[in-house]
Amino acid sequence: MAALKDLRNGLVIRLDDVVYTVVDCQHVKPGKGGAFARTKVKRVRDDAVLDRTFRANDTIETVRLTDQEMQYLYSEGDALWFMDNESFDQIQLSKTLLGEDVKFLKEGENIIIKMDGNTPLAAELPNFVELQIIETDPGLRGDTVSGGTKPAKLETGAVVNVPLFVKNETVIKVDTRTGKYVERV
């Protein structure tokens, strides 16, 4: 349990059996009345942001999340299978846990899964992944109307814009946070 003075940015708390991360916290001490904290909390499971005010007498339950490195094995329908790198236990997660990042997930890739005890709450891909282009149109010299880029389909099924000089079967580095091409590997 945490007191009002313990609220700070980055603290992970549980409200109504849902885990949140404090994104913004402002402590207010008015001249009249008790102190309170105005916060913005982000739901860990789906990144929804809520405004919440905490008073001095509110009890706040803190949560300790553990980061577990797991290897992606395969996909089966709406389920993704991962293996713990230390105990070799396999777990099944829903594709909704990764959201849009699932399009950059390649078999054998290691990712970090945030766990609350034995319950997976969120997954983080590495900032950069190396993927092979399986299909792209040949770039035409002088074709700069489209900004000097062309769409390319990657081995995971994702489509990113790449420069005109990049060819089929080239391995490229993609930023998973923005979904953009970074460089050839």
N, C-alpha and C. Protein backbone atom coordinates (compact mmCIF):
# COMPACT_ATOMS: atom_id res chain seq x y z
N MET A 1 0.83 -1.19 0.00
CA MET A 1 0.00 0.00 0.00
C MET A 1 0.88 1.25 0.00
N ALA A 2 0.42 2.25 -0.67
CA ALA A 2 1.16 3.49 -0.78
C ALA A 2 0.30 4.63 -0.26
N ALA A 3 0.97 5.64 0.22
CA ALA A 3 0.28 6.85 0.68
C ALA A 3 0.28 7.87 -0.45
N LEU A 4 -0.44 8.95 -0.25
CA LEU A 4 -0.55 9.99 -1.27
C LEU A 4 0.83 10.54 -1.64
N LYS A 5 1.70 10.71 -0.66
CA LYS A 5 3.03 11.28 -0.92
C LYS A 5 3.91 10.35 -1.76
N ASP A 6 3.56 9.04 -1.84
CA ASP A 6 4.34 8.08 -2.60
C ASP A 6 4.00 8.06 -4.09
N LEU A 7 2.91 8.71 -4.46
CA LEU A 7 2.52 8.74 -5.88
C LEU A 7 3.56 9.52 -6.68
N ARG A 8 4.02 8.92 -7.78
CA ARG A 8 5.00 9.56 -8.65
C ARG A 8 4.88 8.97 -10.05
N ASN A 9 5.46 9.62 -11.02
CA ASN A 9 5.44 9.12 -12.39
C ASN A 9 6.15 7.77 -12.46
N GLY A 10 5.56 6.83 -13.20
CA GLY A 10 6.16 5.52 -13.37
C GLY A 10 5.72 4.48 -12.35
N LEU A 11 5.02 4.88 -11.29
CA LEU A 11 4.55 3.94 -10.28
C LEU A 11 3.44 3.08 -10.87
N VAL A 12 3.48 1.78 -10.59
CA VAL A 12 2.46 0.85 -11.08
C VAL A 12 1.51 0.57 -9.93
N ILE A 13 0.20 0.82 -10.17
CA ILE A 13 -0.80 0.68 -9.11
C ILE A 13 -1.96 -0.19 -9.61
N ARG A 14 -2.77 -0.66 -8.66
CA ARG A 14 -3.95 -1.44 -9.00
C ARG A 14 -5.18 -0.68 -8.48
N LEU A 15 -6.12 -0.40 -9.39
CA LEU A 15 -7.39 0.25 -9.06
C LEU A 15 -8.51 -0.63 -9.56
N ASP A 16 -9.42 -1.02 -8.69
CA ASP A 16 -10.57 -1.84 -9.07
C ASP A 16 -10.13 -3.09 -9.85
N ASP A 17 -9.11 -3.77 -9.37
CA ASP A 17 -8.56 -5.00 -9.97
C ASP A 17 -8.01 -4.82 -11.37
N VAL A 18 -7.63 -3.59 -11.74
CA VAL A 18 -7.01 -3.31 -13.03
C VAL A 18 -5.67 -2.63 -12.75
N VAL A 19 -4.63 -3.02 -13.50
CA VAL A 19 -3.29 -2.47 -13.28
C VAL A 19 -3.07 -1.25 -14.17
N TYR A 20 -2.57 -0.18 -13.55
CA TYR A 20 -2.30 1.09 -14.22
C TYR A 20 -0.88 1.55 -13.93
N THR A 21 -0.34 2.38 -14.82
CA THR A 21 0.93 3.06 -14.59
C THR A 21 0.64 4.55 -14.49
N VAL A 22 1.23 5.21 -13.49
CA VAL A 22 1.04 6.65 -13.33
C VAL A 22 1.90 7.35 -14.38
N VAL A 23 1.24 8.10 -15.27
CA VAL A 23 1.93 8.80 -16.35
C VAL A 23 2.28 10.23 -15.94
N ASP A 24 1.35 10.90 -15.26
CA ASP A 24 1.55 12.28 -14.84
C ASP A 24 0.95 12.45 -13.46
N CYS A 25 1.70 13.04 -12.56
CA CYS A 25 1.22 13.22 -11.19
C CYS A 25 1.54 14.64 -10.72
N GLN A 26 0.51 15.34 -10.24
CA GLN A 26 0.69 16.68 -9.71
C GLN A 26 0.12 16.71 -8.30
N HIS A 27 0.97 16.96 -7.33
CA HIS A 27 0.53 17.07 -5.94
C HIS A 27 0.05 18.50 -5.70
N VAL A 28 -1.16 18.62 -5.12
CA VAL A 28 -1.77 19.93 -4.89
C VAL A 28 -2.03 20.08 -3.39
N LYS A 29 -1.57 21.21 -2.83
CA LYS A 29 -1.83 21.51 -1.42
C LYS A 29 -2.55 22.85 -1.36
N PRO A 30 -3.89 22.82 -1.41
CA PRO A 30 -4.63 24.08 -1.39
C PRO A 30 -4.56 24.74 -0.01
N GLY A 31 -4.84 26.02 0.02
CA GLY A 31 -4.82 26.74 1.30
C GLY A 31 -5.91 26.26 2.24
N LYS A 32 -7.00 25.83 1.68
CA LYS A 32 -8.12 25.36 2.46
C LYS A 32 -8.43 23.92 2.06
N GLY A 33 -8.59 23.04 3.01
CA GLY A 33 -8.89 21.64 2.70
C GLY A 33 -7.64 20.78 2.67
N GLY A 34 -7.83 19.49 2.43
CA GLY A 34 -6.72 18.55 2.44
C GLY A 34 -5.99 18.48 1.11
N ALA A 35 -4.79 17.96 1.18
CA ALA A 35 -3.98 17.80 -0.02
C ALA A 35 -4.55 16.68 -0.90
N PHE A 36 -4.28 16.78 -2.20
CA PHE A 36 -4.70 15.73 -3.12
C PHE A 36 -3.71 15.66 -4.28
N ALA A 37 -3.84 14.62 -5.07
CA ALA A 37 -2.96 14.45 -6.24
C ALA A 37 -3.82 14.26 -7.47
N ARG A 38 -3.57 15.08 -8.49
CA ARG A 38 -4.23 14.95 -9.78
C ARG A 38 -3.31 14.09 -10.66
N THR A 39 -3.82 12.98 -11.17
CA THR A 39 -2.97 12.08 -11.94
C THR A 39 -3.61 11.70 -13.27
N LYS A 40 -2.75 11.29 -14.17
CA LYS A 40 -3.17 10.60 -15.39
C LYS A 40 -2.58 9.21 -15.27
N VAL A 41 -3.45 8.20 -15.35
CA VAL A 41 -2.99 6.82 -15.25
C VAL A 41 -3.28 6.10 -16.56
N LYS A 42 -2.34 5.24 -16.97
CA LYS A 42 -2.47 4.50 -18.22
C LYS A 42 -2.67 3.03 -17.90
N ARG A 43 -3.75 2.45 -18.44
CA ARG A 43 -4.04 1.04 -18.23
C ARG A 43 -2.98 0.22 -18.95
N VAL A 44 -2.34 -0.71 -18.23
CA VAL A 44 -1.24 -1.48 -18.79
C VAL A 44 -1.70 -2.38 -19.92
N ARG A 45 -2.88 -2.95 -19.81
CA ARG A 45 -3.33 -3.93 -20.80
C ARG A 45 -3.58 -3.33 -22.17
N ASP A 46 -4.18 -2.12 -22.24
CA ASP A 46 -4.53 -1.57 -23.56
C ASP A 46 -4.14 -0.10 -23.75
N ASP A 47 -3.35 0.46 -22.84
CA ASP A 47 -2.82 1.83 -22.94
C ASP A 47 -3.88 2.93 -22.93
N ALA A 48 -5.08 2.66 -22.39
CA ALA A 48 -6.09 3.71 -22.25
C ALA A 48 -5.68 4.63 -21.10
N VAL A 49 -5.82 5.94 -21.29
CA VAL A 49 -5.41 6.92 -20.29
C VAL A 49 -6.64 7.51 -19.60
N LEU A 50 -6.60 7.54 -18.27
CA LEU A 50 -7.70 8.08 -17.48
C LEU A 50 -7.18 9.17 -16.55
N ASP A 51 -8.03 10.14 -16.23
CA ASP A 51 -7.71 11.14 -15.21
C ASP A 51 -8.26 10.64 -13.89
N ARG A 52 -7.46 10.73 -12.84
CA ARG A 52 -7.90 10.24 -11.54
C ARG A 52 -7.35 11.16 -10.46
N THR A 53 -8.18 11.51 -9.47
CA THR A 53 -7.77 12.33 -8.35
C THR A 53 -7.73 11.48 -7.09
N PHE A 54 -6.64 11.56 -6.36
CA PHE A 54 -6.48 10.82 -5.12
C PHE A 54 -6.43 11.80 -3.96
N ARG A 55 -7.18 11.51 -2.90
CA ARG A 55 -7.19 12.34 -1.68
C ARG A 55 -6.23 11.73 -0.67
N ALA A 56 -5.96 12.47 0.39
CA ALA A 56 -4.99 12.05 1.40
C ALA A 56 -5.41 10.76 2.10
N ASN A 57 -6.70 10.50 2.24
CA ASN A 57 -7.14 9.31 2.97
C ASN A 57 -7.36 8.10 2.06
N ASP A 58 -7.12 8.21 0.74
CA ASP A 58 -7.27 7.08 -0.18
C ASP A 58 -6.11 6.10 0.00
N THR A 59 -6.43 4.83 -0.06
CA THR A 59 -5.37 3.82 -0.03
C THR A 59 -5.07 3.40 -1.47
N ILE A 60 -3.81 3.31 -1.78
CA ILE A 60 -3.36 3.02 -3.14
C ILE A 60 -2.53 1.74 -3.09
N GLU A 61 -2.97 0.73 -3.83
CA GLU A 61 -2.25 -0.54 -3.86
C GLU A 61 -1.20 -0.50 -4.96
N THR A 62 0.06 -0.69 -4.58
CA THR A 62 1.15 -0.72 -5.56
C THR A 62 1.33 -2.14 -6.06
N VAL A 63 1.82 -2.26 -7.29
CA VAL A 63 2.02 -3.55 -7.93
C VAL A 63 3.46 -3.64 -8.39
N ARG A 64 4.07 -4.78 -8.20
CA ARG A 64 5.43 -5.00 -8.69
C ARG A 64 5.36 -5.92 -9.90
N LEU A 65 5.61 -5.36 -11.07
CA LEU A 65 5.62 -6.15 -12.29
C LEU A 65 7.03 -6.70 -12.52
N THR A 66 7.09 -7.91 -13.02
CA THR A 66 8.38 -8.50 -13.35
C THR A 66 8.49 -8.60 -14.87
N ASP A 67 9.67 -8.35 -15.37
CA ASP A 67 9.93 -8.49 -16.80
C ASP A 67 10.50 -9.88 -17.04
N GLN A 68 9.87 -10.62 -17.92
CA GLN A 68 10.30 -11.97 -18.23
C GLN A 68 10.62 -12.04 -19.72
N GLU A 69 11.85 -12.45 -20.03
CA GLU A 69 12.24 -12.57 -21.43
C GLU A 69 11.75 -13.91 -21.95
N MET A 70 11.00 -13.87 -23.05
CA MET A 70 10.45 -15.09 -23.63
C MET A 70 10.70 -15.09 -25.13
N GLN A 71 10.77 -16.29 -25.67
CA GLN A 71 11.01 -16.47 -27.09
C GLN A 71 9.70 -16.84 -27.78
N TYR A 72 9.42 -16.14 -28.88
CA TYR A 72 8.21 -16.43 -29.66
C TYR A 72 8.43 -17.71 -30.44
N LEU A 73 7.49 -18.66 -30.30
CA LEU A 73 7.61 -19.95 -30.98
C LEU A 73 6.78 -20.00 -32.25
N TYR A 74 5.45 -19.84 -32.12
CA TYR A 74 4.59 -19.94 -33.29
C TYR A 74 3.21 -19.35 -32.98
N SER A 75 2.41 -19.19 -34.05
CA SER A 75 1.05 -18.67 -33.95
C SER A 75 0.08 -19.79 -34.27
N GLU A 76 -1.05 -19.80 -33.54
CA GLU A 76 -2.08 -20.81 -33.76
C GLU A 76 -3.43 -20.13 -33.63
N GLY A 77 -4.00 -19.73 -34.75
CA GLY A 77 -5.27 -19.01 -34.71
C GLY A 77 -5.08 -17.63 -34.10
N ASP A 78 -5.80 -17.35 -33.01
CA ASP A 78 -5.69 -16.07 -32.32
C ASP A 78 -4.70 -16.15 -31.15
N ALA A 79 -4.00 -17.26 -31.03
CA ALA A 79 -3.07 -17.46 -29.91
C ALA A 79 -1.63 -17.42 -30.39
N LEU A 80 -0.77 -16.89 -29.53
CA LEU A 80 0.67 -16.87 -29.77
C LEU A 80 1.33 -17.71 -28.68
N TRP A 81 2.28 -18.55 -29.04
CA TRP A 81 2.96 -19.40 -28.08
C TRP A 81 4.36 -18.88 -27.83
N PHE A 82 4.71 -18.76 -26.54
CA PHE A 82 6.01 -18.26 -26.12
C PHE A 82 6.66 -19.26 -25.17
N MET A 83 8.00 -19.25 -25.13
CA MET A 83 8.74 -20.12 -24.23
C MET A 83 9.60 -19.27 -23.31
N ASP A 84 9.53 -19.55 -22.02
CA ASP A 84 10.37 -18.89 -21.03
C ASP A 84 11.81 -19.34 -21.28
N ASN A 85 12.73 -18.39 -21.40
CA ASN A 85 14.12 -18.71 -21.70
C ASN A 85 14.86 -19.36 -20.54
N GLU A 86 14.33 -19.24 -19.32
CA GLU A 86 15.01 -19.82 -18.16
C GLU A 86 14.43 -21.19 -17.78
N SER A 87 13.12 -21.30 -17.67
CA SER A 87 12.51 -22.55 -17.22
C SER A 87 12.02 -23.43 -18.38
N PHE A 88 12.01 -22.89 -19.60
CA PHE A 88 11.55 -23.58 -20.81
C PHE A 88 10.06 -23.93 -20.76
N ASP A 89 9.31 -23.30 -19.86
CA ASP A 89 7.86 -23.46 -19.83
C ASP A 89 7.27 -22.72 -21.01
N GLN A 90 6.20 -23.26 -21.58
CA GLN A 90 5.53 -22.60 -22.69
C GLN A 90 4.20 -22.02 -22.22
N ILE A 91 3.91 -20.79 -22.67
CA ILE A 91 2.63 -20.16 -22.34
C ILE A 91 1.97 -19.69 -23.62
N GLN A 92 0.67 -19.56 -23.53
CA GLN A 92 -0.13 -19.11 -24.67
C GLN A 92 -0.67 -17.72 -24.34
N LEU A 93 -0.51 -16.78 -25.27
CA LEU A 93 -1.01 -15.43 -25.09
C LEU A 93 -1.90 -15.07 -26.27
N SER A 94 -2.83 -14.16 -26.04
CA SER A 94 -3.71 -13.69 -27.09
C SER A 94 -2.98 -12.64 -27.94
N LYS A 95 -3.33 -12.58 -29.22
CA LYS A 95 -2.73 -11.58 -30.11
C LYS A 95 -3.09 -10.16 -29.68
N THR A 96 -4.21 -10.00 -28.97
CA THR A 96 -4.61 -8.67 -28.53
C THR A 96 -3.65 -8.10 -27.49
N LEU A 97 -2.89 -8.96 -26.80
CA LEU A 97 -1.93 -8.49 -25.81
C LEU A 97 -0.81 -7.69 -26.47
N LEU A 98 -0.44 -8.06 -27.69
CA LEU A 98 0.61 -7.34 -28.41
C LEU A 98 0.06 -6.21 -29.27
N GLY A 99 -1.21 -6.29 -29.63
CA GLY A 99 -1.83 -5.25 -30.44
C GLY A 99 -1.23 -5.20 -31.83
N GLU A 100 -0.91 -4.01 -32.31
CA GLU A 100 -0.38 -3.81 -33.66
C GLU A 100 1.05 -4.33 -33.81
N ASP A 101 1.77 -4.51 -32.70
CA ASP A 101 3.16 -4.96 -32.76
C ASP A 101 3.28 -6.40 -33.25
N VAL A 102 2.19 -7.15 -33.27
CA VAL A 102 2.25 -8.54 -33.68
C VAL A 102 2.73 -8.69 -35.12
N LYS A 103 2.57 -7.65 -35.94
CA LYS A 103 2.99 -7.74 -37.33
C LYS A 103 4.51 -7.72 -37.49
N PHE A 104 5.25 -7.38 -36.43
CA PHE A 104 6.72 -7.39 -36.49
C PHE A 104 7.31 -8.57 -35.75
N LEU A 105 6.48 -9.50 -35.29
CA LEU A 105 6.93 -10.63 -34.50
C LEU A 105 7.37 -11.77 -35.41
N LYS A 106 8.62 -12.19 -35.26
CA LYS A 106 9.21 -13.24 -36.09
C LYS A 106 9.53 -14.44 -35.19
N GLU A 107 9.33 -15.64 -35.71
CA GLU A 107 9.62 -16.84 -34.93
C GLU A 107 11.07 -16.83 -34.46
N GLY A 108 11.26 -17.18 -33.19
CA GLY A 108 12.60 -17.19 -32.60
C GLY A 108 13.01 -15.87 -31.98
N GLU A 109 12.18 -14.83 -32.12
CA GLU A 109 12.48 -13.50 -31.59
C GLU A 109 12.23 -13.48 -30.08
N ASN A 110 13.12 -12.84 -29.33
CA ASN A 110 12.94 -12.68 -27.89
C ASN A 110 12.22 -11.37 -27.60
N ILE A 111 11.21 -11.42 -26.73
CA ILE A 111 10.50 -10.21 -26.31
C ILE A 111 10.39 -10.21 -24.80
N ILE A 112 10.05 -9.05 -24.24
CA ILE A 112 9.87 -8.91 -22.80
C ILE A 112 8.37 -8.92 -22.51
N ILE A 113 7.95 -9.79 -21.59
CA ILE A 113 6.55 -9.84 -21.18
C ILE A 113 6.47 -9.39 -19.73
N LYS A 114 5.64 -8.38 -19.48
CA LYS A 114 5.45 -7.86 -18.12
C LYS A 114 4.43 -8.74 -17.42
N MET A 115 4.85 -9.29 -16.27
CA MET A 115 4.01 -10.24 -15.55
C MET A 115 3.64 -9.68 -14.17
N ASP A 116 2.39 -9.89 -13.79
CA ASP A 116 1.90 -9.60 -12.44
C ASP A 116 1.68 -10.97 -11.79
N GLY A 117 2.71 -11.46 -11.10
CA GLY A 117 2.66 -12.82 -10.59
C GLY A 117 2.82 -13.78 -11.76
N ASN A 118 1.78 -14.56 -12.04
CA ASN A 118 1.79 -15.47 -13.19
C ASN A 118 0.90 -14.99 -14.32
N THR A 119 0.38 -13.77 -14.20
CA THR A 119 -0.54 -13.23 -15.20
C THR A 119 0.21 -12.28 -16.13
N PRO A 120 0.27 -12.58 -17.42
CA PRO A 120 0.91 -11.64 -18.36
C PRO A 120 0.00 -10.43 -18.60
N LEU A 121 0.58 -9.24 -18.53
CA LEU A 121 -0.21 -8.02 -18.69
C LEU A 121 0.11 -7.28 -19.99
N ALA A 122 1.38 -7.26 -20.37
CA ALA A 122 1.78 -6.51 -21.55
C ALA A 122 3.03 -7.14 -22.14
N ALA A 123 3.30 -6.83 -23.39
CA ALA A 123 4.48 -7.36 -24.06
C ALA A 123 5.20 -6.23 -24.78
N GLU A 124 6.52 -6.28 -24.75
CA GLU A 124 7.35 -5.27 -25.40
C GLU A 124 8.28 -5.93 -26.39
N LEU A 125 8.17 -5.54 -27.65
CA LEU A 125 9.11 -6.01 -28.65
C LEU A 125 10.39 -5.20 -28.54
N PRO A 126 11.50 -5.72 -29.08
CA PRO A 126 12.71 -4.89 -29.13
C PRO A 126 12.43 -3.64 -29.96
N ASN A 127 13.19 -2.58 -29.72
CA ASN A 127 12.97 -1.34 -30.47
C ASN A 127 13.21 -1.51 -31.96
N PHE A 128 14.14 -2.39 -32.32
CA PHE A 128 14.46 -2.61 -33.73
C PHE A 128 14.45 -4.11 -34.02
N VAL A 129 13.89 -4.49 -35.16
CA VAL A 129 13.91 -5.89 -35.60
C VAL A 129 14.46 -5.93 -37.02
N GLU A 130 15.10 -7.06 -37.35
CA GLU A 130 15.64 -7.26 -38.69
C GLU A 130 14.74 -8.25 -39.41
N LEU A 131 14.16 -7.80 -40.51
CA LEU A 131 13.22 -8.61 -41.28
C LEU A 131 13.60 -8.59 -42.75
N GLN A 132 13.27 -9.68 -43.44
CA GLN A 132 13.59 -9.79 -44.86
C GLN A 132 12.40 -9.36 -45.70
N ILE A 133 12.70 -8.64 -46.79
CA ILE A 133 11.67 -8.21 -47.74
C ILE A 133 11.36 -9.40 -48.65
N ILE A 134 10.08 -9.75 -48.77
CA ILE A 134 9.72 -10.86 -49.65
C ILE A 134 9.09 -10.37 -50.95
N GLU A 135 8.57 -9.13 -50.94
CA GLU A 135 7.95 -8.63 -52.17
C GLU A 135 7.97 -7.11 -52.20
N THR A 136 8.55 -6.57 -53.26
CA THR A 136 8.52 -5.13 -53.50
C THR A 136 8.69 -4.88 -54.98
N ASP A 137 8.13 -3.79 -55.46
CA ASP A 137 8.26 -3.43 -56.87
C ASP A 137 9.67 -2.91 -57.12
N PRO A 138 10.18 -3.08 -58.33
CA PRO A 138 11.48 -2.50 -58.63
C PRO A 138 11.36 -0.97 -58.66
N GLY A 139 12.32 -0.31 -58.08
CA GLY A 139 12.29 1.15 -58.08
C GLY A 139 12.73 1.69 -59.41
N LEU A 140 12.02 2.68 -59.91
CA LEU A 140 12.39 3.30 -61.19
C LEU A 140 13.24 4.52 -60.94
N ARG A 141 14.29 4.64 -61.71
CA ARG A 141 15.20 5.78 -61.56
C ARG A 141 14.46 7.08 -61.88
N GLY A 142 14.60 8.06 -61.01
CA GLY A 142 13.97 9.35 -61.23
C GLY A 142 12.54 9.43 -60.75
N ASP A 143 12.00 8.35 -60.22
CA ASP A 143 10.62 8.34 -59.72
C ASP A 143 10.59 8.91 -58.30
N THR A 144 10.54 10.23 -58.20
CA THR A 144 10.54 10.86 -56.89
C THR A 144 9.19 11.49 -56.56
N VAL A 145 8.19 11.20 -57.36
CA VAL A 145 6.85 11.74 -57.10
C VAL A 145 6.32 11.19 -55.78
N SER A 146 6.61 9.91 -55.52
CA SER A 146 6.12 9.28 -54.30
C SER A 146 7.02 9.55 -53.10
N GLY A 147 7.95 10.48 -53.22
CA GLY A 147 8.83 10.82 -52.11
C GLY A 147 10.06 9.94 -52.03
N GLY A 148 10.33 9.18 -53.08
CA GLY A 148 11.51 8.33 -53.08
C GLY A 148 11.34 7.05 -52.28
N THR A 149 10.11 6.64 -52.02
CA THR A 149 9.87 5.40 -51.29
C THR A 149 8.87 4.53 -52.04
N LYS A 150 8.87 3.26 -51.67
CA LYS A 150 7.93 2.31 -52.25
C LYS A 150 7.52 1.33 -51.16
N PRO A 151 6.32 0.72 -51.26
CA PRO A 151 5.91 -0.25 -50.23
C PRO A 151 6.65 -1.57 -50.42
N ALA A 152 6.95 -2.21 -49.28
CA ALA A 152 7.61 -3.51 -49.32
C ALA A 152 6.94 -4.42 -48.30
N LYS A 153 6.64 -5.65 -48.73
CA LYS A 153 6.03 -6.64 -47.84
C LYS A 153 7.15 -7.44 -47.18
N LEU A 154 7.08 -7.55 -45.85
CA LEU A 154 8.12 -8.24 -45.09
C LEU A 154 7.72 -9.69 -44.83
N GLU A 155 8.65 -10.48 -44.33
CA GLU A 155 8.42 -11.90 -44.08
C GLU A 155 7.33 -12.16 -43.05
N THR A 156 7.03 -11.19 -42.20
CA THR A 156 5.98 -11.36 -41.20
C THR A 156 4.61 -10.92 -41.71
N GLY A 157 4.56 -10.36 -42.92
CA GLY A 157 3.32 -9.88 -43.49
C GLY A 157 3.13 -8.38 -43.36
N ALA A 158 3.96 -7.72 -42.59
CA ALA A 158 3.87 -6.27 -42.42
C ALA A 158 4.31 -5.58 -43.71
N VAL A 159 3.78 -4.39 -43.95
CA VAL A 159 4.15 -3.59 -45.11
C VAL A 159 4.74 -2.27 -44.61
N VAL A 160 5.95 -1.96 -45.05
CA VAL A 160 6.60 -0.70 -44.69
C VAL A 160 7.09 -0.02 -45.96
N ASN A 161 7.26 1.28 -45.89
CA ASN A 161 7.81 2.04 -47.00
C ASN A 161 9.33 2.02 -46.92
N VAL A 162 9.97 1.70 -48.03
CA VAL A 162 11.43 1.62 -48.09
C VAL A 162 11.92 2.51 -49.22
N PRO A 163 13.20 2.89 -49.21
CA PRO A 163 13.74 3.68 -50.32
C PRO A 163 13.72 2.89 -51.63
N LEU A 164 13.81 3.60 -52.75
CA LEU A 164 13.71 2.99 -54.07
C LEU A 164 14.82 1.99 -54.37
N PHE A 165 16.00 2.16 -53.76
CA PHE A 165 17.13 1.28 -54.07
C PHE A 165 17.06 -0.09 -53.40
N VAL A 166 16.15 -0.29 -52.46
CA VAL A 166 16.04 -1.56 -51.73
C VAL A 166 15.34 -2.58 -52.62
N LYS A 167 15.91 -3.81 -52.68
CA LYS A 167 15.40 -4.85 -53.57
C LYS A 167 14.79 -6.00 -52.77
N ASN A 168 14.16 -6.94 -53.49
CA ASN A 168 13.62 -8.15 -52.87
C ASN A 168 14.73 -8.94 -52.17
N GLU A 169 14.36 -9.67 -51.14
CA GLU A 169 15.24 -10.54 -50.34
C GLU A 169 16.31 -9.77 -49.58
N THR A 170 16.18 -8.46 -49.47
CA THR A 170 17.09 -7.67 -48.67
C THR A 170 16.61 -7.70 -47.22
N VAL A 171 17.55 -7.81 -46.28
CA VAL A 171 17.21 -7.76 -44.86
C VAL A 171 17.33 -6.31 -44.42
N ILE A 172 16.26 -5.80 -43.81
CA ILE A 172 16.25 -4.40 -43.36
C ILE A 172 15.98 -4.33 -41.86
N LYS A 173 16.33 -3.20 -41.27
CA LYS A 173 16.05 -2.95 -39.86
C LYS A 173 14.83 -2.04 -39.79
N VAL A 174 13.83 -2.43 -38.96
CA VAL A 174 12.59 -1.68 -38.82
C VAL A 174 12.43 -1.25 -37.37
N ASP A 175 12.04 -0.01 -37.16
CA ASP A 175 11.74 0.50 -35.82
C ASP A 175 10.33 0.05 -35.44
N THR A 176 10.18 -0.79 -34.41
CA THR A 176 8.87 -1.33 -34.04
C THR A 176 7.99 -0.28 -33.38
N ARG A 177 8.56 0.79 -32.85
CA ARG A 177 7.76 1.84 -32.21
C ARG A 177 7.01 2.67 -33.23
N THR A 178 7.66 2.93 -34.39
CA THR A 178 7.03 3.77 -35.43
C THR A 178 6.60 2.96 -36.64
N GLY A 179 7.14 1.76 -36.82
CA GLY A 179 6.82 0.95 -37.98
C GLY A 179 7.50 1.44 -39.25
N LYS A 180 8.64 2.11 -39.11
CA LYS A 180 9.35 2.68 -40.26
C LYS A 180 10.68 2.02 -40.52
N TYR A 181 11.07 2.06 -41.78
CA TYR A 181 12.37 1.56 -42.22
C TYR A 181 13.47 2.40 -41.59
N VAL A 182 14.56 1.72 -41.15
CA VAL A 182 15.70 2.43 -40.57
C VAL A 182 16.91 2.33 -41.49
N GLU A 183 17.30 1.07 -41.84
CA GLU A 183 18.47 0.88 -42.69
C GLU A 183 18.51 -0.55 -43.22
N ARG A 184 19.40 -0.76 -44.21
CA ARG A 184 19.66 -2.12 -44.69
C ARG A 184 20.63 -2.77 -43.72
N VAL A 185 20.54 -4.10 -43.61
CA VAL A 185 21.46 -4.82 -42.72
C VAL A 185 22.51 -5.51 -43.54
